[in-house]
Amino acid sequence: MATAPSTSNGADQKRYVVDKSIQPLLSNTNTTTSSSLSNVSAGDERLHRLHGTSLLHDASTILKLSPSTFATSTTIFHRVYHSISLVEYDVWSVSMACVLIASKVEEDPRTVRSTILAFHHLYRRRRLRIHDDVSVSYGAAHAEAQHVLSSDEVKENLLRHVPPMSLGGAIYAEWKKALEEKESLILRVLGFTLFWIPDSHPHRFILYFVRVLEIQDGVVAQEAWNYCNDSCHLDLCVRYDAEVIASAAILLSCNKHNISLPLLPRPWWQVFIGPNRGDDLATVCNAILAVGDVSQGDARRARFAFVPSLLKNGSFNDPDSYIWSTVKD
């Protein structure tokens, strides 16, 4: 997606030129993203990417979307955040739009209403930090003060008795506006060309590779599939070929189950991804293992807590927003 600068009455804006080109792997993504050019540190960008993809995972579960739809939503999420910056667009509204668009691409659409209600439920869960270590403070987004020390069971019961959000109220209008604006943005940034994404997931290679390697244990294939799901939380999908990610998932699964794969006359993965890709394979393996380590502070925070946006004036649901201050909406 090409961009061209445009100014109107002194306002700095971007005009997106729709070229509809298909680029499964983005160029120069190993060092540069739009957020890094906006002076966002690598750690902060990783935290917000993990936060956004965890929202996509939980929302896909609530909306009963297929694993392929989840993978498509994360691919859209990572690709769009290589073109837009975290200091300009918040993760929550972009994640909502990614789920909505992915469900359409996969021909299993969900309504705007159901998508908003799913994310609103997640919003309450993240503010209560269910399953998180509440002894660790995250500042303004620490938790609901009166429930911070409550047990997870108490918090779950609290959510069950929360009245549903009024579909005609101001809060719903705020969520809907954020969703619709970001849906339009994502489609323009990606050139309305999304049909190829479902065929580019590493999951589709797992069973084929396992069959070629003559691995009989179905647990290995399932474990490799789970590693592919973990890979969706990072932008590996725009840095490496799907075959490389699938091979890394199989390698991790076989190592976990003490299954030896052939290394002579040449390593087995060269059959699938070609020669001189050992470093790429190792990098992907290490990245996937790091995502699965919930003992890391940023990974746990991204998964269970609310992470405020990096927008200068805050996003529509940040701690200083009207939505945050509304107790019963």
Protein backbone atom coordinates (compact mmCIF):
# COMPACT_ATOMS: atom_id res chain seq x y z
CA MET A 1 0.00 0.00 0.00
CA ALA A 2 1.61 3.24 -1.14
CA THR A 3 1.15 6.44 0.80
CA ALA A 4 1.56 10.03 -0.21
CA PRO A 5 1.73 13.04 2.11
CA SER A 6 -1.10 15.51 1.86
CA THR A 7 -1.78 18.76 3.69
CA SER A 8 -5.07 20.55 4.09
CA ASN A 9 -5.20 23.88 5.98
CA GLY A 10 -1.93 23.03 7.65
CA ALA A 11 -3.16 19.63 8.88
CA ASP A 12 -0.70 16.79 8.45
CA GLN A 13 -2.57 13.87 6.96
CA LYS A 14 -1.89 10.82 4.80
CA ARG A 15 -3.51 9.96 1.50
CA TYR A 16 -3.55 6.23 0.80
CA VAL A 17 -3.11 5.18 -2.81
CA VAL A 18 -4.96 1.95 -3.47
CA ASP A 19 -2.67 -0.17 -5.67
CA LYS A 20 -4.15 -3.56 -4.72
CA SER A 21 -0.72 -5.20 -4.83
CA ILE A 22 -0.26 -8.47 -2.96
CA GLN A 23 2.90 -8.65 -0.86
CA PRO A 24 2.80 -11.66 1.48
CA LEU A 25 6.13 -10.58 3.00
CA LEU A 26 6.79 -6.90 3.64
CA SER A 27 10.16 -5.44 2.75
CA ASN A 28 12.56 -4.05 5.35
CA THR A 29 10.39 -5.25 8.24
CA ASN A 30 13.31 -6.62 10.24
CA THR A 31 14.26 -3.18 11.53
CA THR A 32 11.57 -0.65 10.73
CA THR A 33 7.90 -0.25 11.53
CA SER A 34 5.74 2.84 11.50
CA SER A 35 5.70 2.82 15.31
CA SER A 36 9.50 2.61 15.55
CA LEU A 37 9.73 5.63 13.27
CA SER A 38 7.48 7.40 15.81
CA ASN A 39 10.06 6.69 18.56
CA VAL A 40 8.10 3.81 20.11
CA SER A 41 10.53 1.44 21.78
CA ALA A 42 10.72 -2.20 20.70
CA GLY A 43 9.50 -3.26 24.15
CA ASP A 44 6.45 -1.01 24.05
CA GLU A 45 5.58 -2.10 20.53
CA ARG A 46 5.85 -5.76 21.53
CA LEU A 47 3.61 -5.14 24.56
CA HIS A 48 0.88 -3.52 22.48
CA ARG A 49 1.09 -6.16 19.73
CA LEU A 50 0.72 -8.89 22.35
CA HIS A 51 -2.15 -6.96 23.93
CA GLY A 52 -3.97 -6.55 20.61
CA THR A 53 -3.56 -10.16 19.54
CA SER A 54 -4.68 -11.42 22.96
CA LEU A 55 -7.85 -9.37 22.49
CA LEU A 56 -8.29 -10.95 19.06
CA HIS A 57 -7.90 -14.41 20.56
CA ASP A 58 -10.37 -13.82 23.39
CA ALA A 59 -12.89 -12.11 21.13
CA SER A 60 -12.66 -14.95 18.61
CA THR A 61 -13.42 -17.39 21.43
CA ILE A 62 -16.43 -15.38 22.64
CA LEU A 63 -17.77 -14.98 19.10
CA LYS A 64 -17.10 -18.68 18.33
CA LEU A 65 -14.95 -17.89 15.32
CA SER A 66 -12.80 -20.54 13.65
CA PRO A 67 -9.03 -20.79 14.21
CA SER A 68 -8.54 -19.65 10.62
CA THR A 69 -10.56 -16.49 11.30
CA PHE A 70 -8.40 -15.76 14.36
CA ALA A 71 -5.24 -16.22 12.29
CA THR A 72 -6.64 -13.95 9.57
CA SER A 73 -7.48 -11.24 12.12
CA THR A 74 -3.94 -11.32 13.55
CA THR A 75 -2.39 -11.16 10.08
CA ILE A 76 -4.50 -8.09 9.29
CA PHE A 77 -3.55 -6.60 12.67
CA HIS A 78 0.20 -7.03 12.20
CA ARG A 79 0.20 -5.90 8.59
CA VAL A 80 -1.74 -2.74 9.30
CA TYR A 81 0.54 -1.80 12.22
CA HIS A 82 3.49 -1.89 9.86
CA SER A 83 1.81 0.97 8.00
CA ILE A 84 0.25 2.90 10.88
CA SER A 85 1.71 3.91 14.22
CA LEU A 86 0.68 3.05 17.77
CA VAL A 87 0.92 6.72 18.65
CA GLU A 88 -1.81 7.52 16.11
CA TYR A 89 -4.24 4.58 16.39
CA ASP A 90 -5.15 2.61 19.50
CA VAL A 91 -5.05 -1.17 19.72
CA TRP A 92 -8.62 -1.69 20.98
CA SER A 93 -10.46 -0.07 18.09
CA VAL A 94 -8.08 -1.58 15.51
CA SER A 95 -8.56 -5.03 17.06
CA MET A 96 -12.35 -4.70 16.87
CA ALA A 97 -12.13 -3.81 13.21
CA CYS A 98 -9.73 -6.69 12.51
CA VAL A 99 -12.19 -9.20 13.96
CA LEU A 100 -15.07 -7.76 11.96
CA ILE A 101 -13.10 -7.73 8.70
CA ALA A 102 -11.60 -11.20 9.25
CA SER A 103 -15.05 -12.71 9.82
CA LYS A 104 -16.14 -11.29 6.46
CA VAL A 105 -13.01 -12.49 4.67
CA GLU A 106 -13.56 -16.00 6.05
CA GLU A 107 -17.23 -15.85 5.03
CA ASP A 108 -18.36 -16.31 8.62
CA PRO A 109 -19.44 -12.73 9.36
CA ARG A 110 -20.35 -11.32 12.74
CA THR A 111 -22.48 -8.24 13.24
CA VAL A 112 -21.17 -4.90 14.46
CA ARG A 113 -23.35 -5.28 17.52
CA SER A 114 -22.02 -8.70 18.55
CA THR A 115 -18.43 -7.57 17.95
CA ILE A 116 -18.86 -4.50 20.15
CA LEU A 117 -20.54 -6.47 22.93
CA ALA A 118 -17.72 -9.04 22.90
CA PHE A 119 -15.04 -6.37 23.23
CA HIS A 120 -17.03 -4.51 25.86
CA HIS A 121 -17.11 -7.70 27.92
CA LEU A 122 -13.34 -8.06 27.47
CA TYR A 123 -12.95 -4.42 28.49
CA ARG A 124 -14.57 -5.15 31.84
CA ARG A 125 -12.54 -8.33 32.33
CA ARG A 126 -9.27 -6.55 31.60
CA ARG A 127 -10.11 -3.74 34.00
CA LEU A 128 -10.79 -6.29 36.73
CA ARG A 129 -7.61 -8.17 35.77
CA ILE A 130 -9.14 -11.61 36.12
CA HIS A 131 -6.43 -14.32 36.38
CA ASP A 132 -3.73 -11.65 36.72
CA ASP A 133 -1.35 -11.03 39.62
CA VAL A 134 -3.03 -7.98 41.15
CA SER A 135 -0.09 -7.38 43.50
CA VAL A 136 1.66 -5.80 40.52
CA SER A 137 0.51 -2.25 39.80
CA TYR A 138 0.16 -0.85 36.29
CA GLY A 139 -0.53 2.73 37.30
CA ALA A 140 -3.77 4.37 36.14
CA ALA A 141 -4.97 1.12 34.58
CA HIS A 142 -4.28 -0.85 37.76
CA ALA A 143 -7.80 -2.25 38.23
CA GLU A 144 -11.19 -1.34 39.62
CA ALA A 145 -10.18 -0.07 43.07
CA GLN A 146 -12.97 -1.73 45.04
CA HIS A 147 -12.33 -5.14 43.46
CA VAL A 148 -8.55 -5.22 43.03
CA LEU A 149 -8.02 -7.65 45.93
CA SER A 150 -11.08 -9.77 45.25
CA SER A 151 -10.78 -13.35 44.09
CA ASP A 152 -11.33 -14.30 40.44
CA GLU A 153 -14.59 -15.99 41.44
CA VAL A 154 -15.90 -12.75 42.97
CA LYS A 155 -14.91 -10.84 39.84
CA GLU A 156 -16.60 -13.38 37.57
CA ASN A 157 -19.82 -13.10 39.62
CA LEU A 158 -19.58 -9.33 39.37
CA LEU A 159 -19.47 -9.53 35.58
CA ARG A 160 -22.50 -11.84 35.50
CA HIS A 161 -24.64 -9.23 37.27
CA VAL A 162 -23.56 -6.25 35.17
CA PRO A 163 -26.55 -4.93 33.17
CA PRO A 164 -26.10 -5.16 29.39
CA MET A 165 -24.91 -2.10 27.53
CA SER A 166 -27.73 0.01 26.11
CA LEU A 167 -27.62 -0.21 22.32
CA GLY A 168 -29.04 3.28 21.99
CA GLY A 169 -26.80 4.94 24.56
CA ALA A 170 -23.79 7.21 24.28
CA ILE A 171 -21.35 4.47 25.32
CA TYR A 172 -22.43 2.13 22.51
CA ALA A 173 -22.21 5.04 20.06
CA GLU A 174 -18.60 5.66 21.11
CA TRP A 175 -17.64 2.01 20.58
CA LYS A 176 -19.45 1.87 17.23
CA LYS A 177 -17.81 5.05 15.99
CA ALA A 178 -14.35 3.75 16.90
CA LEU A 179 -15.04 0.43 15.15
CA GLU A 180 -16.39 1.92 11.93
CA GLU A 181 -13.58 4.46 11.63
CA LYS A 182 -10.89 1.81 12.00
CA GLU A 183 -12.61 -0.62 9.64
CA SER A 184 -12.50 2.03 6.94
CA LEU A 185 -8.88 2.86 7.77
CA ILE A 186 -7.70 -0.77 7.61
CA LEU A 187 -9.40 -1.42 4.28
CA ARG A 188 -7.77 1.68 2.78
CA VAL A 189 -4.35 0.89 4.22
CA LEU A 190 -4.43 -2.69 2.89
CA GLY A 191 -5.88 -1.69 -0.45
CA PHE A 192 -9.11 -3.68 -0.01
CA THR A 193 -7.05 -6.73 -1.02
CA LEU A 194 -7.51 -9.39 1.65
CA PHE A 195 -8.73 -12.47 -0.19
CA TRP A 196 -5.29 -14.14 -0.22
CA ILE A 197 -4.71 -14.05 3.56
CA PRO A 198 -6.59 -17.26 4.55
CA ASP A 199 -4.33 -19.26 2.21
CA SER A 200 -1.14 -17.87 3.77
CA HIS A 201 -1.45 -19.25 7.32
CA PRO A 202 1.23 -21.68 8.55
CA HIS A 203 -1.50 -23.96 9.94
CA ARG A 204 -2.38 -25.21 6.47
CA PHE A 205 1.09 -26.80 6.11
CA ILE A 206 1.20 -28.64 9.44
CA LEU A 207 -0.65 -31.83 8.52
CA TYR A 208 1.10 -32.07 5.15
CA PHE A 209 4.57 -31.67 6.65
CA VAL A 210 3.80 -34.16 9.43
CA ARG A 211 2.58 -36.70 6.89
CA VAL A 212 5.72 -36.28 4.76
CA LEU A 213 7.92 -36.74 7.83
CA GLU A 214 5.94 -39.90 8.68
CA ILE A 215 5.18 -38.76 12.22
CA GLN A 216 2.42 -41.05 13.48
CA ASP A 217 1.72 -39.40 16.84
CA GLY A 218 -1.28 -37.07 16.49
CA VAL A 219 -0.26 -35.25 19.65
CA VAL A 220 2.77 -33.87 17.80
CA ALA A 221 0.58 -32.36 15.09
CA GLN A 222 -1.73 -30.83 17.69
CA GLU A 223 1.21 -29.37 19.60
CA ALA A 224 2.63 -27.93 16.37
CA TRP A 225 -0.78 -26.41 15.64
CA ASN A 226 -0.72 -24.76 19.07
CA TYR A 227 2.72 -23.32 18.37
CA CYS A 228 1.34 -21.87 15.13
CA ASN A 229 -1.38 -20.21 17.19
CA ASP A 230 1.31 -18.73 19.46
CA SER A 231 3.13 -17.38 16.41
CA CYS A 232 0.07 -15.30 15.57
CA HIS A 233 0.78 -13.07 18.57
CA LEU A 234 3.91 -11.70 16.90
CA ASP A 235 4.41 -10.22 13.45
CA LEU A 236 6.19 -13.33 12.19
CA CYS A 237 3.56 -13.62 9.46
CA VAL A 238 4.94 -10.52 7.71
CA ARG A 239 8.60 -11.37 8.31
CA TYR A 240 8.82 -15.05 7.39
CA ASP A 241 7.19 -17.44 4.96
CA ALA A 242 4.37 -19.58 6.32
CA GLU A 243 6.44 -22.69 5.56
CA VAL A 244 9.22 -21.45 7.86
CA ILE A 245 6.78 -20.87 10.72
CA ALA A 246 5.18 -24.29 10.19
CA SER A 247 8.60 -25.97 10.16
CA ALA A 248 9.54 -24.16 13.38
CA ALA A 249 6.31 -25.32 15.02
CA ILE A 250 7.00 -28.94 14.05
CA LEU A 251 10.59 -28.69 15.31
CA LEU A 252 9.43 -27.35 18.69
CA SER A 253 6.75 -30.02 18.97
CA CYS A 254 9.14 -32.85 18.13
CA ASN A 255 11.73 -31.56 20.59
CA LYS A 256 9.09 -31.43 23.30
CA HIS A 257 8.07 -35.05 22.66
CA ASN A 258 11.64 -36.32 22.13
CA ILE A 259 11.07 -37.27 18.51
CA SER A 260 14.18 -37.29 16.32
CA LEU A 261 13.92 -36.03 12.76
CA PRO A 262 16.41 -36.79 9.95
CA LEU A 263 19.44 -34.50 9.62
CA LEU A 264 21.36 -36.52 7.01
CA PRO A 265 22.10 -36.31 4.15
CA ARG A 266 20.62 -32.86 4.81
CA PRO A 267 18.38 -31.37 7.50
CA TRP A 268 14.72 -32.27 7.05
CA TRP A 269 13.53 -28.68 6.93
CA GLN A 270 15.47 -27.99 3.74
CA VAL A 271 12.94 -30.11 1.89
CA PHE A 272 10.21 -27.64 2.86
CA ILE A 273 11.95 -24.24 3.05
CA GLY A 274 15.18 -24.65 1.11
CA PRO A 275 18.85 -24.34 2.13
CA ASN A 276 20.45 -21.64 4.28
CA ARG A 277 17.33 -21.03 6.36
CA GLY A 278 18.60 -22.44 9.65
CA ASP A 279 19.01 -19.01 11.23
CA ASP A 280 15.46 -18.03 10.27
CA LEU A 281 14.18 -21.27 11.75
CA ALA A 282 16.02 -20.67 15.03
CA THR A 283 14.76 -17.07 15.25
CA VAL A 284 11.15 -18.13 14.76
CA CYS A 285 11.49 -20.94 17.34
CA ASN A 286 12.90 -18.58 19.97
CA ALA A 287 10.20 -15.98 19.27
CA ILE A 288 7.40 -18.53 19.66
CA LEU A 289 8.86 -19.85 22.91
CA ALA A 290 9.09 -16.32 24.30
CA VAL A 291 5.40 -15.71 23.57
CA GLY A 292 4.40 -18.84 25.47
CA ASP A 293 6.31 -17.77 28.59
CA VAL A 294 3.56 -16.09 30.64
CA SER A 295 6.00 -15.56 33.51
CA GLN A 296 7.33 -12.55 31.60
CA GLY A 297 5.76 -9.35 32.89
CA ASP A 298 4.81 -7.86 29.54
CA ALA A 299 3.29 -11.12 28.24
CA ARG A 300 1.15 -11.53 31.36
CA ARG A 301 0.08 -7.89 31.40
CA ALA A 302 -0.85 -7.99 27.73
CA ARG A 303 -2.93 -11.11 28.24
CA PHE A 304 -4.86 -10.30 31.42
CA ALA A 305 -4.79 -6.53 32.04
CA PHE A 306 -5.73 -3.32 30.26
CA VAL A 307 -2.84 -1.59 28.49
CA PRO A 308 -3.47 2.15 27.92
CA SER A 309 -2.84 3.44 24.43
CA LEU A 310 0.14 5.52 23.34
CA LEU A 311 -2.04 8.24 21.84
CA LYS A 312 -1.07 11.72 23.00
CA ASN A 313 -4.61 12.66 24.00
CA GLY A 314 -5.68 9.13 24.91
CA SER A 315 -8.04 6.77 23.11
CA PHE A 316 -11.80 6.44 23.41
CA ASN A 317 -11.54 3.97 26.32
CA ASP A 318 -8.34 4.99 28.12
CA PRO A 319 -8.34 5.64 31.92
CA ASP A 320 -9.09 9.37 31.46
CA SER A 321 -11.93 8.80 28.99
CA TYR A 322 -15.66 9.13 29.54
CA ILE A 323 -16.12 5.39 28.94
CA TRP A 324 -13.59 4.50 31.65
CA SER A 325 -15.24 6.75 34.23
CA THR A 326 -18.71 5.34 33.53
CA VAL A 327 -19.28 2.64 36.12
CA LYS A 328 -22.59 1.33 34.79
CA ASP A 329 -23.11 1.74 31.08
